[in-house]
N, C-alpha and C. Protein backbone atom coordinates (compact mmCIF):
# COMPACT_ATOMS: atom_id res chain seq x y z
N MET A 1 41.00 -0.23 193.52
CA MET A 1 42.43 -0.31 193.33
C MET A 1 43.05 -1.33 194.28
N ARG A 2 42.67 -1.20 195.58
CA ARG A 2 43.22 -2.10 196.57
C ARG A 2 42.81 -3.53 196.31
N LYS A 3 41.52 -3.77 195.99
CA LYS A 3 41.07 -5.12 195.68
C LYS A 3 41.77 -5.70 194.51
N LEU A 4 42.03 -4.83 193.51
CA LEU A 4 42.78 -5.36 192.33
C LEU A 4 44.18 -5.75 192.70
N ALA A 5 44.83 -4.94 193.55
CA ALA A 5 46.20 -5.29 193.95
C ALA A 5 46.22 -6.61 194.75
N ILE A 6 45.24 -6.82 195.61
CA ILE A 6 45.16 -8.05 196.41
C ILE A 6 44.92 -9.23 195.50
N THR A 7 44.04 -9.06 194.55
CA THR A 7 43.69 -10.15 193.63
C THR A 7 44.93 -10.51 192.80
N VAL A 8 45.63 -9.52 192.32
CA VAL A 8 46.87 -9.75 191.53
C VAL A 8 47.85 -10.51 192.40
N ALA A 9 48.01 -10.05 193.60
CA ALA A 9 48.98 -10.70 194.51
C ALA A 9 48.60 -12.19 194.76
N LEU A 10 47.29 -12.43 195.03
CA LEU A 10 46.91 -13.82 195.29
C LEU A 10 47.09 -14.74 194.08
N VAL A 11 46.74 -14.17 192.91
CA VAL A 11 46.94 -14.94 191.69
C VAL A 11 48.40 -15.19 191.43
N SER A 12 49.24 -14.18 191.67
CA SER A 12 50.66 -14.31 191.50
C SER A 12 51.27 -15.32 192.43
N LEU A 13 50.71 -15.46 193.63
CA LEU A 13 51.24 -16.40 194.61
C LEU A 13 51.13 -17.80 194.07
N SER A 14 50.03 -18.12 193.43
CA SER A 14 49.88 -19.45 192.92
C SER A 14 50.90 -19.73 191.82
N PHE A 15 51.28 -18.73 191.04
CA PHE A 15 52.29 -18.98 189.99
C PHE A 15 53.67 -18.96 190.61
N SER A 16 53.86 -18.31 191.73
CA SER A 16 55.21 -18.21 192.27
C SER A 16 55.62 -19.39 193.13
N ALA A 17 54.67 -20.29 193.44
CA ALA A 17 54.99 -21.40 194.29
C ALA A 17 56.15 -22.24 193.80
N GLY A 18 56.36 -22.35 192.47
CA GLY A 18 57.44 -23.05 191.91
C GLY A 18 58.66 -22.18 191.66
N ALA A 19 58.59 -20.89 191.93
CA ALA A 19 59.71 -19.99 191.70
C ALA A 19 60.90 -20.45 192.57
N GLU A 20 62.08 -20.13 192.01
CA GLU A 20 63.25 -20.59 192.69
C GLU A 20 63.93 -19.52 193.57
N THR A 21 63.89 -18.29 193.15
CA THR A 21 64.57 -17.26 193.92
C THR A 21 63.61 -16.57 194.87
N ILE A 22 64.14 -15.98 195.92
CA ILE A 22 63.30 -15.27 196.85
C ILE A 22 62.70 -14.02 196.16
N GLN A 23 63.47 -13.43 195.23
CA GLN A 23 62.89 -12.28 194.54
C GLN A 23 61.65 -12.64 193.78
N GLU A 24 61.66 -13.81 193.13
CA GLU A 24 60.53 -14.32 192.39
C GLU A 24 59.39 -14.64 193.32
N ARG A 25 59.73 -15.26 194.41
CA ARG A 25 58.67 -15.64 195.39
C ARG A 25 58.05 -14.38 196.09
N ALA A 26 58.83 -13.36 196.25
CA ALA A 26 58.34 -12.15 196.91
C ALA A 26 57.62 -11.21 196.05
N ALA A 27 57.59 -11.45 194.77
CA ALA A 27 56.93 -10.55 193.81
C ALA A 27 55.44 -10.27 194.24
N PRO A 28 54.71 -11.29 194.66
CA PRO A 28 53.32 -10.98 195.12
C PRO A 28 53.28 -10.06 196.35
N CYS A 29 54.22 -10.22 197.22
CA CYS A 29 54.29 -9.33 198.41
C CYS A 29 54.55 -7.87 198.00
N LEU A 30 55.48 -7.71 197.06
CA LEU A 30 55.88 -6.39 196.68
C LEU A 30 54.81 -5.72 195.77
N ALA A 31 53.88 -6.51 195.24
CA ALA A 31 52.76 -5.94 194.48
C ALA A 31 51.93 -5.01 195.36
N CYS A 32 51.75 -5.37 196.61
CA CYS A 32 51.01 -4.50 197.53
C CYS A 32 51.93 -3.63 198.39
N HIS A 33 53.03 -4.16 198.84
CA HIS A 33 53.91 -3.49 199.75
C HIS A 33 54.97 -2.62 199.10
N GLY A 34 54.97 -2.58 197.82
CA GLY A 34 55.89 -1.71 197.06
C GLY A 34 57.07 -2.47 196.47
N GLU A 35 57.40 -2.07 195.25
CA GLU A 35 58.43 -2.78 194.49
C GLU A 35 59.75 -2.93 195.25
N ARG A 36 60.17 -1.90 196.03
CA ARG A 36 61.36 -1.94 196.80
C ARG A 36 61.10 -1.91 198.30
N GLY A 37 59.84 -2.28 198.64
CA GLY A 37 59.44 -2.31 200.07
C GLY A 37 58.80 -1.06 200.61
N THR A 38 58.63 -0.06 199.72
CA THR A 38 57.92 1.20 200.10
C THR A 38 56.59 1.14 199.49
N SER A 39 55.53 1.03 200.33
CA SER A 39 54.17 0.90 199.89
C SER A 39 53.66 2.17 199.28
N GLU A 40 52.89 1.99 198.18
CA GLU A 40 52.13 3.13 197.60
C GLU A 40 50.65 2.77 197.65
N THR A 41 50.30 1.72 198.42
CA THR A 41 48.94 1.26 198.53
C THR A 41 48.39 1.74 199.83
N GLU A 42 47.21 2.32 199.77
CA GLU A 42 46.55 2.89 200.96
C GLU A 42 46.40 1.85 202.05
N ASN A 43 46.74 2.29 203.27
CA ASN A 43 46.65 1.48 204.49
C ASN A 43 47.43 0.18 204.43
N THR A 44 48.43 0.13 203.59
CA THR A 44 49.31 -1.06 203.48
C THR A 44 50.72 -0.63 203.88
N PRO A 45 51.33 -1.30 204.86
CA PRO A 45 52.59 -0.87 205.37
C PRO A 45 53.76 -1.01 204.43
N SER A 46 54.71 -0.16 204.55
CA SER A 46 56.04 -0.36 203.87
C SER A 46 56.77 -1.39 204.67
N LEU A 47 57.38 -2.31 203.98
CA LEU A 47 58.12 -3.37 204.63
C LEU A 47 59.62 -3.11 204.75
N GLY A 48 60.15 -2.20 203.90
CA GLY A 48 61.60 -1.93 203.85
C GLY A 48 62.10 -1.48 205.21
N GLY A 49 63.23 -1.99 205.59
CA GLY A 49 63.92 -1.65 206.81
C GLY A 49 63.34 -2.30 208.07
N GLN A 50 62.33 -3.14 207.92
CA GLN A 50 61.86 -3.84 209.10
C GLN A 50 62.88 -4.83 209.60
N GLN A 51 62.98 -5.03 210.88
CA GLN A 51 63.88 -6.00 211.49
C GLN A 51 63.39 -7.42 211.13
N ALA A 52 64.33 -8.30 210.85
CA ALA A 52 63.95 -9.67 210.50
C ALA A 52 63.16 -10.36 211.59
N PRO A 53 63.54 -10.26 212.88
CA PRO A 53 62.70 -10.90 213.92
C PRO A 53 61.25 -10.40 213.93
N TYR A 54 61.07 -9.09 213.71
CA TYR A 54 59.70 -8.57 213.70
C TYR A 54 58.95 -9.12 212.50
N ALA A 55 59.51 -9.12 211.33
CA ALA A 55 58.87 -9.61 210.16
C ALA A 55 58.52 -11.14 210.33
N LEU A 56 59.48 -11.88 210.93
CA LEU A 56 59.22 -13.34 211.17
C LEU A 56 58.00 -13.52 212.06
N ILE A 57 57.92 -12.75 213.12
CA ILE A 57 56.76 -12.90 214.05
C ILE A 57 55.49 -12.56 213.34
N GLN A 58 55.51 -11.49 212.57
CA GLN A 58 54.25 -11.07 211.89
C GLN A 58 53.81 -12.10 210.85
N LEU A 59 54.75 -12.64 210.08
CA LEU A 59 54.41 -13.71 209.13
C LEU A 59 53.86 -14.93 209.83
N PHE A 60 54.50 -15.29 210.94
CA PHE A 60 54.02 -16.42 211.72
C PHE A 60 52.60 -16.16 212.21
N MET A 61 52.36 -14.99 212.73
CA MET A 61 51.03 -14.63 213.21
C MET A 61 49.99 -14.67 212.13
N PHE A 62 50.35 -14.23 210.95
CA PHE A 62 49.40 -14.31 209.80
C PHE A 62 49.18 -15.77 209.43
N ARG A 63 50.25 -16.57 209.39
CA ARG A 63 50.07 -17.97 209.03
C ARG A 63 49.20 -18.73 209.99
N GLU A 64 49.32 -18.41 211.28
CA GLU A 64 48.59 -19.12 212.29
C GLU A 64 47.26 -18.42 212.60
N LYS A 65 46.93 -17.36 211.88
CA LYS A 65 45.69 -16.59 212.07
C LYS A 65 45.62 -15.98 213.46
N LEU A 66 46.74 -15.69 214.05
CA LEU A 66 46.79 -14.95 215.31
C LEU A 66 46.67 -13.44 215.05
N ARG A 67 46.93 -13.12 213.82
CA ARG A 67 46.67 -11.74 213.32
C ARG A 67 45.83 -11.96 212.08
N VAL A 68 44.66 -11.33 212.06
CA VAL A 68 43.72 -11.69 210.97
C VAL A 68 43.63 -10.49 210.00
N PHE A 69 44.01 -10.77 208.78
CA PHE A 69 43.80 -9.94 207.61
C PHE A 69 43.80 -10.95 206.46
N GLU A 70 42.61 -11.28 205.98
CA GLU A 70 42.41 -12.40 205.05
C GLU A 70 43.46 -12.53 203.92
N PRO A 71 43.75 -11.45 203.20
CA PRO A 71 44.74 -11.61 202.09
C PRO A 71 46.10 -12.11 202.64
N MET A 72 46.53 -11.57 203.79
CA MET A 72 47.80 -12.03 204.34
C MET A 72 47.67 -13.43 204.89
N ASN A 73 46.57 -13.78 205.53
CA ASN A 73 46.40 -15.10 206.04
C ASN A 73 46.45 -16.14 204.94
N GLU A 74 45.81 -15.80 203.80
CA GLU A 74 45.79 -16.69 202.65
C GLU A 74 47.18 -16.82 202.07
N MET A 75 47.96 -15.73 201.98
CA MET A 75 49.30 -15.85 201.38
C MET A 75 50.27 -16.59 202.27
N ALA A 76 50.06 -16.48 203.61
CA ALA A 76 51.04 -17.10 204.55
C ALA A 76 50.70 -18.52 204.91
N LYS A 77 49.51 -18.98 204.60
CA LYS A 77 49.05 -20.27 205.13
C LYS A 77 49.92 -21.47 204.74
N SER A 78 50.55 -21.44 203.57
CA SER A 78 51.30 -22.57 203.11
C SER A 78 52.83 -22.42 203.38
N LEU A 79 53.21 -21.30 204.00
CA LEU A 79 54.63 -21.09 204.24
C LEU A 79 55.15 -21.99 205.33
N THR A 80 56.30 -22.56 205.09
CA THR A 80 56.93 -23.39 206.11
C THR A 80 57.71 -22.47 207.03
N ASP A 81 58.24 -23.01 208.08
CA ASP A 81 59.06 -22.21 209.02
C ASP A 81 60.28 -21.72 208.32
N ASP A 82 60.91 -22.51 207.46
CA ASP A 82 62.03 -22.05 206.66
C ASP A 82 61.63 -20.95 205.73
N ASP A 83 60.46 -21.01 205.13
CA ASP A 83 59.95 -19.96 204.28
C ASP A 83 59.82 -18.66 205.08
N LEU A 84 59.24 -18.76 206.25
CA LEU A 84 59.09 -17.58 207.09
C LEU A 84 60.42 -16.85 207.35
N ARG A 85 61.45 -17.70 207.70
CA ARG A 85 62.78 -17.08 207.92
C ARG A 85 63.35 -16.47 206.64
N THR A 86 63.16 -17.14 205.50
CA THR A 86 63.66 -16.65 204.27
C THR A 86 63.01 -15.31 203.90
N PHE A 87 61.64 -15.26 204.03
CA PHE A 87 60.94 -13.99 203.71
C PHE A 87 61.29 -12.91 204.72
N SER A 88 61.49 -13.23 206.00
CA SER A 88 61.76 -12.19 206.94
C SER A 88 63.17 -11.62 206.73
N ASP A 89 64.11 -12.46 206.33
CA ASP A 89 65.45 -11.94 205.98
C ASP A 89 65.41 -11.10 204.75
N PHE A 90 64.56 -11.49 203.74
CA PHE A 90 64.47 -10.72 202.54
C PHE A 90 63.92 -9.33 202.87
N ILE A 91 62.87 -9.29 203.69
CA ILE A 91 62.22 -8.06 204.08
C ILE A 91 63.26 -7.16 204.78
N ALA A 92 64.03 -7.70 205.70
CA ALA A 92 65.03 -6.90 206.38
C ALA A 92 66.06 -6.28 205.50
N ALA A 93 66.30 -6.92 204.33
CA ALA A 93 67.30 -6.40 203.43
C ALA A 93 66.76 -5.34 202.44
N LEU A 94 65.45 -5.14 202.43
CA LEU A 94 64.87 -4.10 201.55
C LEU A 94 65.25 -2.71 202.11
N PRO A 95 65.43 -1.75 201.24
CA PRO A 95 65.81 -0.41 201.69
C PRO A 95 64.67 0.22 202.53
N LYS A 96 65.05 0.93 203.56
CA LYS A 96 64.11 1.59 204.38
C LYS A 96 63.39 2.70 203.57
N PRO A 97 62.12 2.92 203.90
CA PRO A 97 61.42 4.01 203.16
C PRO A 97 61.95 5.37 203.52
N ALA A 98 61.78 6.28 202.59
CA ALA A 98 62.15 7.68 202.89
C ALA A 98 60.96 8.39 203.52
N PRO A 99 61.26 9.36 204.38
CA PRO A 99 60.18 10.11 204.95
C PRO A 99 59.33 10.82 203.90
N THR A 100 58.10 11.10 204.21
CA THR A 100 57.22 11.83 203.29
C THR A 100 57.91 13.14 202.86
N ALA A 101 57.90 13.42 201.58
CA ALA A 101 58.68 14.57 201.04
C ALA A 101 58.00 15.88 201.11
N ASP A 102 56.71 15.89 201.36
CA ASP A 102 55.97 17.17 201.36
C ASP A 102 56.46 18.07 202.58
N ALA A 103 56.26 19.34 202.41
CA ALA A 103 56.65 20.32 203.43
C ALA A 103 55.83 20.04 204.70
N ALA A 104 56.50 19.86 205.83
CA ALA A 104 55.81 19.49 207.07
C ALA A 104 55.23 20.73 207.74
N ASP A 105 54.09 20.54 208.34
CA ASP A 105 53.50 21.55 209.14
C ASP A 105 54.18 21.59 210.52
N ALA A 106 54.84 22.65 210.85
CA ALA A 106 55.69 22.74 212.05
C ALA A 106 54.86 22.51 213.34
N ALA A 107 53.65 23.02 213.36
CA ALA A 107 52.82 22.84 214.56
C ALA A 107 52.44 21.38 214.78
N ARG A 108 52.06 20.71 213.68
CA ARG A 108 51.74 19.28 213.77
C ARG A 108 52.98 18.43 214.15
N MET A 109 54.08 18.79 213.57
CA MET A 109 55.34 18.12 213.89
C MET A 109 55.62 18.24 215.38
N ALA A 110 55.50 19.41 215.92
CA ALA A 110 55.75 19.68 217.36
C ALA A 110 54.76 18.86 218.23
N ARG A 111 53.51 18.88 217.84
CA ARG A 111 52.54 18.10 218.66
C ARG A 111 52.86 16.64 218.58
N GLY A 112 53.16 16.14 217.39
CA GLY A 112 53.49 14.70 217.23
C GLY A 112 54.75 14.34 218.04
N GLN A 113 55.76 15.22 217.96
CA GLN A 113 57.00 14.91 218.70
C GLN A 113 56.71 14.90 220.21
N ALA A 114 55.94 15.84 220.68
CA ALA A 114 55.62 15.90 222.08
C ALA A 114 54.89 14.62 222.52
N LEU A 115 53.97 14.12 221.71
CA LEU A 115 53.28 12.83 221.97
C LEU A 115 54.25 11.69 221.98
N ALA A 116 55.13 11.61 220.98
CA ALA A 116 56.16 10.55 220.93
C ALA A 116 57.00 10.57 222.16
N ASN A 117 57.41 11.78 222.55
CA ASN A 117 58.25 11.85 223.78
C ASN A 117 57.51 11.49 225.04
N GLN A 118 56.31 12.02 225.15
CA GLN A 118 55.46 11.79 226.32
C GLN A 118 55.19 10.28 226.52
N ASN A 119 55.01 9.63 225.44
CA ASN A 119 54.66 8.19 225.44
C ASN A 119 55.87 7.28 225.31
N ARG A 120 57.03 7.87 225.23
CA ARG A 120 58.33 7.24 225.19
C ARG A 120 58.42 6.20 224.03
N CYS A 121 57.90 6.57 222.87
CA CYS A 121 57.93 5.73 221.70
C CYS A 121 59.38 5.38 221.34
N ASN A 122 60.27 6.31 221.67
CA ASN A 122 61.70 6.09 221.32
C ASN A 122 62.39 5.11 222.22
N THR A 123 61.73 4.64 223.25
CA THR A 123 62.30 3.63 224.14
C THR A 123 62.26 2.23 223.47
N CYS A 124 61.10 1.85 222.99
CA CYS A 124 60.98 0.52 222.37
C CYS A 124 61.36 0.54 220.92
N HIS A 125 61.01 1.64 220.23
CA HIS A 125 61.21 1.74 218.81
C HIS A 125 62.60 2.34 218.41
N ASN A 126 63.41 2.62 219.39
CA ASN A 126 64.74 3.26 219.23
C ASN A 126 64.56 4.80 219.08
N PRO A 127 65.60 5.51 219.41
CA PRO A 127 65.53 6.99 219.27
C PRO A 127 65.27 7.43 217.86
N ASP A 128 65.70 6.71 216.89
CA ASP A 128 65.44 7.08 215.47
C ASP A 128 64.20 6.34 214.91
N TYR A 129 63.48 5.66 215.75
CA TYR A 129 62.30 4.94 215.39
C TYR A 129 62.52 3.83 214.37
N SER A 130 63.74 3.31 214.33
CA SER A 130 64.13 2.26 213.37
C SER A 130 63.65 0.86 213.79
N GLY A 131 63.22 0.72 215.03
CA GLY A 131 62.79 -0.58 215.51
C GLY A 131 64.02 -1.41 215.90
N LYS A 132 63.65 -2.54 216.62
CA LYS A 132 64.72 -3.43 217.03
C LYS A 132 64.09 -4.75 217.34
N GLU A 133 64.74 -5.84 216.99
CA GLU A 133 64.27 -7.21 217.22
C GLU A 133 62.83 -7.36 216.85
N ASN A 134 61.96 -7.53 217.87
CA ASN A 134 60.56 -7.75 217.61
C ASN A 134 59.69 -6.52 217.63
N VAL A 135 60.31 -5.33 217.57
CA VAL A 135 59.67 -4.04 217.58
C VAL A 135 59.81 -3.41 216.20
N PRO A 136 58.66 -3.01 215.57
CA PRO A 136 58.75 -2.55 214.19
C PRO A 136 59.38 -1.20 214.02
N ARG A 137 59.90 -0.99 212.83
CA ARG A 137 60.33 0.32 212.36
C ARG A 137 59.12 1.13 212.13
N ILE A 138 59.03 2.31 212.67
CA ILE A 138 57.87 3.16 212.46
C ILE A 138 58.29 4.48 211.80
N ALA A 139 59.57 4.80 211.72
CA ALA A 139 60.03 6.01 211.06
C ALA A 139 59.73 5.80 209.56
N ALA A 140 59.15 6.93 209.01
CA ALA A 140 58.84 6.99 207.61
C ALA A 140 57.87 5.95 207.10
N GLN A 141 57.14 5.35 208.01
CA GLN A 141 56.05 4.45 207.66
C GLN A 141 54.94 5.24 207.05
N ARG A 142 54.03 4.65 206.29
CA ARG A 142 52.91 5.34 205.68
C ARG A 142 52.04 5.94 206.78
N GLU A 143 51.73 7.23 206.61
CA GLU A 143 50.95 7.94 207.62
C GLU A 143 49.60 7.32 207.84
N ASP A 144 48.87 6.95 206.77
CA ASP A 144 47.56 6.37 206.86
C ASP A 144 47.60 5.06 207.61
N TYR A 145 48.61 4.26 207.31
CA TYR A 145 48.76 2.94 208.00
C TYR A 145 49.08 3.17 209.50
N LEU A 146 49.96 4.10 209.81
CA LEU A 146 50.27 4.39 211.24
C LEU A 146 48.99 4.85 211.96
N ALA A 147 48.26 5.75 211.42
CA ALA A 147 47.03 6.23 212.03
C ALA A 147 46.02 5.10 212.24
N LYS A 148 45.83 4.30 211.24
CA LYS A 148 44.95 3.13 211.33
C LYS A 148 45.39 2.16 212.41
N THR A 149 46.63 1.84 212.43
CA THR A 149 47.17 0.87 213.40
C THR A 149 47.10 1.40 214.84
N LEU A 150 47.45 2.69 214.98
CA LEU A 150 47.42 3.31 216.34
C LEU A 150 45.94 3.35 216.84
N ALA A 151 45.05 3.66 215.96
CA ALA A 151 43.60 3.67 216.34
C ALA A 151 43.13 2.32 216.73
N GLU A 152 43.59 1.32 216.01
CA GLU A 152 43.16 -0.07 216.32
C GLU A 152 43.75 -0.53 217.65
N TYR A 153 44.98 -0.10 217.97
CA TYR A 153 45.53 -0.44 219.30
C TYR A 153 44.67 0.32 220.37
N LYS A 154 44.32 1.53 220.06
CA LYS A 154 43.57 2.42 221.01
C LYS A 154 42.26 1.76 221.28
N ASP A 155 41.51 1.33 220.25
CA ASP A 155 40.18 0.73 220.57
C ASP A 155 40.21 -0.74 220.77
N ASN A 156 41.44 -1.32 220.87
CA ASN A 156 41.64 -2.74 221.17
C ASN A 156 41.11 -3.71 220.10
N THR A 157 41.05 -3.24 218.84
CA THR A 157 40.68 -4.15 217.80
C THR A 157 41.90 -4.80 217.13
N ARG A 158 43.08 -4.30 217.43
CA ARG A 158 44.28 -4.92 216.94
C ARG A 158 45.05 -5.40 218.19
N HIS A 159 45.44 -6.67 218.11
CA HIS A 159 46.14 -7.30 219.24
C HIS A 159 47.57 -7.62 218.77
N GLY A 160 48.51 -7.20 219.54
CA GLY A 160 49.88 -7.58 219.33
C GLY A 160 50.14 -8.90 220.04
N TYR A 161 51.39 -9.30 220.13
CA TYR A 161 51.72 -10.50 220.84
C TYR A 161 51.92 -10.24 222.31
N ASP A 162 51.81 -8.94 222.68
CA ASP A 162 51.72 -8.53 224.10
C ASP A 162 50.80 -7.29 224.16
N ALA A 163 50.54 -6.82 225.34
CA ALA A 163 49.62 -5.69 225.49
C ALA A 163 50.30 -4.35 225.53
N THR A 164 51.54 -4.24 225.25
CA THR A 164 52.30 -3.01 225.35
C THR A 164 51.62 -1.86 224.62
N MET A 165 51.38 -2.01 223.33
CA MET A 165 50.79 -0.97 222.55
C MET A 165 49.40 -0.58 222.96
N ALA A 166 48.62 -1.50 223.34
CA ALA A 166 47.27 -1.18 223.85
C ALA A 166 47.39 -0.33 225.11
N ASP A 167 48.33 -0.68 225.98
CA ASP A 167 48.51 0.13 227.21
C ASP A 167 48.95 1.49 226.90
N VAL A 168 49.97 1.61 225.99
CA VAL A 168 50.51 2.94 225.61
C VAL A 168 49.46 3.82 225.01
N MET A 169 48.64 3.26 224.14
CA MET A 169 47.60 4.08 223.41
C MET A 169 46.50 4.54 224.31
N GLN A 170 46.32 4.01 225.47
CA GLN A 170 45.25 4.40 226.39
C GLN A 170 45.37 5.87 226.77
N THR A 171 46.61 6.37 226.82
CA THR A 171 46.83 7.77 227.22
C THR A 171 46.77 8.76 226.07
N VAL A 172 46.79 8.24 224.85
CA VAL A 172 46.71 9.05 223.64
C VAL A 172 45.26 9.29 223.24
N GLY A 173 44.81 10.52 223.12
CA GLY A 173 43.46 10.79 222.69
C GLY A 173 43.25 10.44 221.23
N LYS A 174 42.05 10.02 220.86
CA LYS A 174 41.71 9.72 219.48
C LYS A 174 42.04 10.91 218.55
N ASP A 175 41.88 12.12 219.07
CA ASP A 175 42.17 13.31 218.25
C ASP A 175 43.68 13.61 218.14
N GLN A 176 44.48 12.89 218.91
CA GLN A 176 45.92 13.08 218.82
C GLN A 176 46.65 12.07 217.95
N ILE A 177 45.94 11.03 217.56
CA ILE A 177 46.57 9.91 216.73
C ILE A 177 47.05 10.50 215.43
N GLY A 178 46.26 11.38 214.84
CA GLY A 178 46.70 11.91 213.53
C GLY A 178 47.99 12.66 213.60
N ASP A 179 48.20 13.44 214.62
CA ASP A 179 49.49 14.21 214.83
C ASP A 179 50.67 13.29 215.02
N LEU A 180 50.45 12.20 215.80
CA LEU A 180 51.50 11.26 216.03
C LEU A 180 51.91 10.54 214.75
N ALA A 181 50.92 10.09 214.02
CA ALA A 181 51.18 9.44 212.68
C ALA A 181 51.87 10.38 211.75
N TYR A 182 51.43 11.59 211.74
CA TYR A 182 52.01 12.70 210.84
C TYR A 182 53.50 12.82 211.18
N TYR A 183 53.82 12.92 212.44
CA TYR A 183 55.22 13.15 212.88
C TYR A 183 56.07 11.92 212.45
N LEU A 184 55.64 10.74 212.79
CA LEU A 184 56.39 9.55 212.52
C LEU A 184 56.64 9.33 211.01
N ALA A 185 55.62 9.65 210.21
CA ALA A 185 55.74 9.44 208.76
C ALA A 185 56.76 10.39 208.20
N ARG A 186 57.01 11.48 208.88
CA ARG A 186 57.97 12.52 208.35
C ARG A 186 59.26 12.55 209.16
N PHE A 187 59.44 11.62 210.10
CA PHE A 187 60.63 11.63 210.95
C PHE A 187 61.90 11.43 210.10
N ARG A 188 62.84 12.31 210.29
CA ARG A 188 64.12 12.15 209.57
C ARG A 188 65.24 11.82 210.47
């Protein structure tokens, strides 16, 4: 399923190069990241509600292969600086994702909240985890994506543009990542 979505997106990109509106140009992005910016694709982040500066930096990093994920590197390689700004503004205008609707396990929520408080996630990501400037929105992000990303910061296989997240994740146990991701995905 994921490979099919990526293939569709890459093929669509070639057809959208001549598209005139940002909505038409963003169609390949939304094929994986969700029609309205809320992803339904495993391990693929929701883009809705992300801050424009954060989106701009991530797109730049993909274009320059400073962040490596081949489908995104391929899609971003031909984007101009103006394109990056246009896409990041478009992403910022998408509606923020809703928290996971399933009934939350109170014990896991409490453990996740304690971890978020202990590690002061609400300092950089805001008290409501909405993100700011170059810091991503993590509230109501896909749980699987959060867990994957936090684990990558923990084992130092994902590099940000600074070492903050790698430093923060050193105090979080591998067995605690799931509870932290669970809490953030359901944060209201």
